């Protein structure tokens, strides 16, 4: 009995969102990666093409994508809840399709 409680406590401690060194390291790495990616995006979007070609970056996407990609990301962020709601509504149609289920539950 005591060993079962001890195992349950060990499992409980592993699931708590307390500070955990690997989690902090991953968070720091993601922060650095985000900063680097934003810096690269900012340079690509705002530095003129001739300066990028002068530094050796000759194969880059068109500047059109500097506007299109953030716009698409914002659209996806706003469309995700709508699509999730529609998917859930579509898959829950069969739950209330038969009236006999409700009738059997609430009859005297």
N, C-alpha and C. Protein backbone atom coordinates (compact mmCIF):
# COMPACT_ATOMS: atom_id res chain seq x y z
N UNK A 1 0.82 -1.19 0.00
CA UNK A 1 0.00 0.00 0.00
C UNK A 1 0.87 1.26 0.00
N UNK A 2 1.90 1.25 0.84
CA UNK A 2 2.78 2.41 0.93
C UNK A 2 3.54 2.62 -0.37
N UNK A 3 3.98 1.53 -1.00
CA UNK A 3 4.72 1.64 -2.25
C UNK A 3 3.85 2.18 -3.38
N UNK A 4 2.58 1.83 -3.38
CA UNK A 4 1.68 2.36 -4.40
C UNK A 4 1.52 3.86 -4.25
N UNK A 5 1.40 4.33 -3.01
CA UNK A 5 1.29 5.78 -2.79
C UNK A 5 2.58 6.49 -3.20
N UNK A 6 3.71 5.87 -2.91
CA UNK A 6 4.98 6.47 -3.28
C UNK A 6 5.11 6.57 -4.80
N UNK A 7 4.71 5.53 -5.52
CA UNK A 7 4.73 5.57 -6.98
C UNK A 7 3.78 6.62 -7.51
N UNK A 8 2.62 6.74 -6.90
CA UNK A 8 1.65 7.74 -7.34
C UNK A 8 2.20 9.15 -7.12
N UNK A 9 2.89 9.37 -6.00
CA UNK A 9 3.49 10.68 -5.75
C UNK A 9 4.61 10.98 -6.73
N UNK A 10 5.39 9.97 -7.11
CA UNK A 10 6.46 10.19 -8.08
C UNK A 10 5.87 10.57 -9.43
N UNK A 11 4.80 9.90 -9.84
CA UNK A 11 4.17 10.23 -11.11
C UNK A 11 3.56 11.63 -11.07
N UNK A 12 3.00 12.01 -9.94
CA UNK A 12 2.39 13.32 -9.79
C UNK A 12 3.44 14.41 -9.90
N UNK A 13 4.60 14.19 -9.29
CA UNK A 13 5.65 15.19 -9.34
C UNK A 13 6.18 15.39 -10.75
N UNK A 14 6.18 14.36 -11.56
CA UNK A 14 6.69 14.48 -12.92
C UNK A 14 5.76 15.30 -13.80
N UNK A 15 4.48 15.35 -13.47
CA UNK A 15 3.52 16.05 -14.30
C UNK A 15 3.33 17.52 -13.92
N UNK A 16 3.88 17.95 -12.81
CA UNK A 16 3.69 19.33 -12.38
C UNK A 16 4.52 20.28 -13.25
N UNK A 17 4.02 21.49 -13.48
CA UNK A 17 4.76 22.44 -14.33
C UNK A 17 5.79 23.25 -13.54
N UNK A 18 6.49 22.62 -12.64
CA UNK A 18 7.53 23.31 -11.88
C UNK A 18 8.72 23.61 -12.78
N UNK A 19 9.60 24.51 -12.35
CA UNK A 19 10.81 24.76 -13.14
C UNK A 19 11.62 23.48 -13.30
N UNK A 20 12.00 23.23 -14.51
CA UNK A 20 12.69 21.99 -14.84
C UNK A 20 13.81 22.37 -15.80
N UNK A 21 15.07 22.06 -15.49
CA UNK A 21 16.19 22.56 -16.30
C UNK A 21 16.10 22.27 -17.80
N UNK A 22 15.75 21.05 -18.24
CA UNK A 22 15.65 20.86 -19.69
C UNK A 22 14.58 21.73 -20.34
N UNK A 23 13.49 21.97 -19.62
CA UNK A 23 12.44 22.83 -20.16
C UNK A 23 12.96 24.25 -20.32
N UNK A 24 13.75 24.70 -19.38
CA UNK A 24 14.33 26.04 -19.46
C UNK A 24 15.32 26.14 -20.61
N UNK A 25 16.08 25.09 -20.83
CA UNK A 25 17.05 25.09 -21.93
C UNK A 25 16.32 25.12 -23.27
N UNK A 26 15.26 24.32 -23.41
CA UNK A 26 14.48 24.35 -24.65
C UNK A 26 13.84 25.72 -24.85
N UNK A 27 13.36 26.32 -23.79
CA UNK A 27 12.77 27.65 -23.90
C UNK A 27 13.79 28.68 -24.35
N UNK A 28 14.99 28.62 -23.80
CA UNK A 28 16.04 29.55 -24.21
C UNK A 28 16.43 29.31 -25.66
N UNK A 29 16.54 28.05 -26.07
CA UNK A 29 16.88 27.75 -27.46
C UNK A 29 15.79 28.24 -28.41
N UNK A 30 14.53 28.06 -28.04
CA UNK A 30 13.44 28.57 -28.89
C UNK A 30 13.44 30.09 -28.94
N UNK A 31 13.77 30.73 -27.85
CA UNK A 31 13.85 32.19 -27.84
C UNK A 31 14.96 32.67 -28.78
N UNK A 32 16.12 32.05 -28.71
CA UNK A 32 17.21 32.42 -29.60
C UNK A 32 16.87 32.14 -31.06
N UNK A 33 16.25 30.98 -31.31
CA UNK A 33 15.88 30.64 -32.69
C UNK A 33 14.86 31.63 -33.23
N UNK A 34 13.90 32.03 -32.42
CA UNK A 34 12.93 33.02 -32.86
C UNK A 34 13.57 34.36 -33.15
N UNK A 35 14.50 34.76 -32.30
CA UNK A 35 15.20 36.02 -32.52
C UNK A 35 16.02 35.99 -33.81
N UNK A 36 16.70 34.88 -34.05
CA UNK A 36 17.52 34.75 -35.26
C UNK A 36 16.63 34.72 -36.50
N UNK A 37 15.54 33.97 -36.46
CA UNK A 37 14.64 33.91 -37.61
C UNK A 37 14.01 35.26 -37.90
N UNK A 38 13.62 35.99 -36.86
CA UNK A 38 13.05 37.32 -37.07
C UNK A 38 14.10 38.26 -37.65
N UNK A 39 15.34 38.16 -37.20
CA UNK A 39 16.40 39.00 -37.74
C UNK A 39 16.66 38.70 -39.21
N UNK A 40 16.68 37.42 -39.57
CA UNK A 40 16.87 37.04 -40.97
C UNK A 40 15.71 37.54 -41.82
N UNK A 41 14.49 37.39 -41.32
CA UNK A 41 13.32 37.88 -42.04
C UNK A 41 13.38 39.39 -42.21
N UNK A 42 13.73 40.10 -41.16
CA UNK A 42 13.80 41.56 -41.22
C UNK A 42 14.85 42.00 -42.24
N UNK A 43 16.01 41.35 -42.25
CA UNK A 43 17.05 41.70 -43.23
C UNK A 43 16.59 41.40 -44.65
N UNK A 44 15.96 40.26 -44.84
CA UNK A 44 15.50 39.90 -46.18
C UNK A 44 14.41 40.84 -46.67
N UNK A 45 13.52 41.27 -45.77
CA UNK A 45 12.39 42.09 -46.17
C UNK A 45 12.78 43.54 -46.43
N UNK A 46 13.74 44.08 -45.69
CA UNK A 46 14.00 45.51 -45.76
C UNK A 46 15.32 45.90 -46.42
N UNK A 47 16.26 44.99 -46.51
CA UNK A 47 17.53 45.32 -47.16
C UNK A 47 17.33 45.21 -48.67
N UNK A 48 17.79 46.19 -49.43
CA UNK A 48 17.63 46.13 -50.90
C UNK A 48 18.33 44.91 -51.50
N UNK A 49 17.82 44.48 -52.65
CA UNK A 49 18.35 43.27 -53.29
C UNK A 49 19.82 43.40 -53.68
N UNK A 50 20.22 44.58 -54.14
CA UNK A 50 21.61 44.71 -54.59
C UNK A 50 22.59 44.54 -53.42
N UNK A 51 22.21 44.94 -52.22
CA UNK A 51 23.09 44.72 -51.06
C UNK A 51 23.14 43.25 -50.67
N UNK A 52 22.01 42.57 -50.78
CA UNK A 52 22.00 41.13 -50.48
C UNK A 52 22.83 40.36 -51.50
N UNK A 53 22.73 40.75 -52.77
CA UNK A 53 23.53 40.09 -53.80
C UNK A 53 25.01 40.39 -53.63
N UNK A 54 25.32 41.59 -53.18
CA UNK A 54 26.72 41.97 -52.94
C UNK A 54 27.34 41.13 -51.83
N UNK A 55 26.54 40.78 -50.82
CA UNK A 55 27.05 39.97 -49.71
C UNK A 55 27.06 38.48 -50.02
N UNK A 56 26.50 38.08 -51.17
CA UNK A 56 26.57 36.68 -51.57
C UNK A 56 25.25 35.94 -51.54
N UNK A 57 24.19 36.60 -51.12
CA UNK A 57 22.87 35.96 -51.11
C UNK A 57 22.19 36.25 -52.44
N UNK A 58 22.33 35.31 -53.37
CA UNK A 58 21.79 35.54 -54.71
C UNK A 58 20.46 34.83 -54.94
N UNK A 59 20.20 33.75 -54.23
CA UNK A 59 18.97 32.99 -54.44
C UNK A 59 18.04 33.23 -53.27
N UNK A 60 17.16 34.20 -53.40
CA UNK A 60 16.20 34.54 -52.35
C UNK A 60 14.81 34.62 -52.95
N UNK A 61 13.79 34.38 -52.15
CA UNK A 61 12.42 34.53 -52.66
C UNK A 61 12.12 36.00 -52.98
N UNK A 62 11.06 36.20 -53.75
CA UNK A 62 10.65 37.55 -54.11
C UNK A 62 10.20 38.31 -52.86
N UNK A 63 10.29 39.63 -52.92
CA UNK A 63 9.87 40.46 -51.77
C UNK A 63 8.37 40.37 -51.54
N UNK A 64 7.63 39.90 -52.52
CA UNK A 64 6.19 39.70 -52.37
C UNK A 64 5.90 38.81 -51.16
N UNK A 65 6.73 37.80 -50.95
CA UNK A 65 6.51 36.87 -49.85
C UNK A 65 6.78 37.49 -48.49
N UNK A 66 7.48 38.61 -48.45
CA UNK A 66 7.70 39.30 -47.18
C UNK A 66 6.39 39.84 -46.62
N UNK A 67 5.43 40.12 -47.49
CA UNK A 67 4.12 40.57 -47.06
C UNK A 67 3.14 39.41 -47.01
N UNK A 68 3.24 38.50 -47.96
CA UNK A 68 2.27 37.41 -48.09
C UNK A 68 2.37 36.40 -46.94
N UNK A 69 3.56 36.06 -46.51
CA UNK A 69 3.71 35.05 -45.45
C UNK A 69 3.15 35.52 -44.10
N UNK A 70 3.45 36.72 -43.63
CA UNK A 70 2.81 37.15 -42.37
C UNK A 70 1.30 37.27 -42.49
N UNK A 71 0.82 37.73 -43.64
CA UNK A 71 -0.62 37.83 -43.84
C UNK A 71 -1.27 36.44 -43.80
N UNK A 72 -0.64 35.47 -44.44
CA UNK A 72 -1.17 34.10 -44.42
C UNK A 72 -1.14 33.53 -43.00
N UNK A 73 -0.11 33.83 -42.24
CA UNK A 73 -0.04 33.36 -40.86
C UNK A 73 -1.16 33.94 -40.01
N UNK A 74 -1.42 35.23 -40.17
CA UNK A 74 -2.50 35.87 -39.41
C UNK A 74 -3.85 35.28 -39.81
N UNK A 75 -4.04 35.04 -41.10
CA UNK A 75 -5.29 34.43 -41.56
C UNK A 75 -5.47 33.03 -40.97
N UNK A 76 -4.40 32.26 -40.93
CA UNK A 76 -4.49 30.92 -40.35
C UNK A 76 -4.81 30.96 -38.86
N UNK A 77 -4.26 31.93 -38.16
CA UNK A 77 -4.54 32.05 -36.73
C UNK A 77 -6.02 32.34 -36.50
N UNK A 78 -6.62 33.16 -37.35
CA UNK A 78 -8.03 33.48 -37.18
C UNK A 78 -8.95 32.41 -37.76
N UNK A 79 -8.50 31.67 -38.75
CA UNK A 79 -9.33 30.63 -39.35
C UNK A 79 -9.31 29.32 -38.55
N UNK A 80 -8.29 29.09 -37.76
CA UNK A 80 -8.18 27.84 -37.02
C UNK A 80 -9.38 27.60 -36.10
N UNK A 81 -9.80 28.58 -35.27
CA UNK A 81 -10.97 28.31 -34.42
C UNK A 81 -12.24 28.05 -35.22
N UNK A 82 -12.40 28.75 -36.33
CA UNK A 82 -13.58 28.53 -37.17
C UNK A 82 -13.56 27.12 -37.76
N UNK A 83 -12.44 26.70 -38.28
CA UNK A 83 -12.35 25.36 -38.85
C UNK A 83 -12.51 24.28 -37.78
N UNK A 84 -11.99 24.53 -36.60
CA UNK A 84 -12.15 23.58 -35.50
C UNK A 84 -13.62 23.46 -35.10
N UNK A 85 -14.33 24.58 -35.04
CA UNK A 85 -15.75 24.56 -34.71
C UNK A 85 -16.54 23.82 -35.78
N UNK A 86 -16.26 24.08 -37.06
CA UNK A 86 -16.98 23.41 -38.13
C UNK A 86 -16.70 21.91 -38.13
N UNK A 87 -15.46 21.52 -37.87
CA UNK A 87 -15.12 20.10 -37.83
C UNK A 87 -15.85 19.41 -36.68
N UNK A 88 -15.89 20.05 -35.53
CA UNK A 88 -16.58 19.48 -34.37
C UNK A 88 -18.07 19.39 -34.63
N UNK A 89 -18.66 20.42 -35.22
CA UNK A 89 -20.09 20.40 -35.51
C UNK A 89 -20.42 19.32 -36.52
N UNK A 90 -19.58 19.14 -37.52
CA UNK A 90 -19.82 18.11 -38.54
C UNK A 90 -19.78 16.72 -37.93
N UNK A 91 -18.85 16.47 -37.03
CA UNK A 91 -18.71 15.14 -36.45
C UNK A 91 -19.67 14.88 -35.30
N UNK A 92 -20.37 15.88 -34.83
CA UNK A 92 -21.33 15.65 -33.75
C UNK A 92 -22.77 15.59 -34.25
N UNK A 93 -22.98 15.56 -35.56
CA UNK A 93 -24.33 15.50 -36.11
C UNK A 93 -25.01 14.20 -35.70
N UNK A 94 -24.32 13.10 -35.73
CA UNK A 94 -24.91 11.81 -35.44
C UNK A 94 -25.34 11.63 -33.99
N UNK A 95 -24.88 12.47 -33.09
CA UNK A 95 -25.23 12.29 -31.68
C UNK A 95 -26.71 12.52 -31.42
N UNK A 96 -27.31 13.49 -32.08
CA UNK A 96 -28.70 13.85 -31.81
C UNK A 96 -29.60 13.54 -33.01
N UNK A 97 -29.14 12.68 -33.88
CA UNK A 97 -29.90 12.37 -35.08
C UNK A 97 -31.13 11.54 -34.75
N UNK A 98 -31.01 10.63 -33.84
CA UNK A 98 -32.13 9.77 -33.48
C UNK A 98 -32.83 10.32 -32.24
N UNK A 99 -34.11 10.55 -32.36
CA UNK A 99 -34.88 11.04 -31.23
C UNK A 99 -35.13 9.97 -30.19
N UNK A 100 -34.97 8.71 -30.56
CA UNK A 100 -35.23 7.64 -29.61
C UNK A 100 -34.24 7.67 -28.45
N UNK A 101 -33.06 8.15 -28.67
CA UNK A 101 -32.08 8.23 -27.59
C UNK A 101 -32.57 9.17 -26.50
N UNK A 102 -33.06 10.32 -26.90
CA UNK A 102 -33.57 11.29 -25.93
C UNK A 102 -34.86 10.80 -25.32
N UNK A 103 -35.74 10.20 -26.13
CA UNK A 103 -37.01 9.71 -25.61
C UNK A 103 -36.80 8.63 -24.56
N UNK A 104 -35.88 7.72 -24.81
CA UNK A 104 -35.64 6.63 -23.85
C UNK A 104 -35.05 7.14 -22.54
N UNK A 105 -34.30 8.20 -22.60
CA UNK A 105 -33.68 8.72 -21.39
C UNK A 105 -34.65 9.48 -20.50
N UNK A 106 -35.68 10.10 -21.08
CA UNK A 106 -36.55 10.98 -20.30
C UNK A 106 -37.99 10.48 -20.17
N UNK A 107 -38.23 9.26 -20.49
CA UNK A 107 -39.58 8.72 -20.32
C UNK A 107 -39.83 8.36 -18.87
N UNK A 108 -41.10 8.38 -18.51
CA UNK A 108 -41.48 8.03 -17.13
C UNK A 108 -41.38 6.56 -16.86
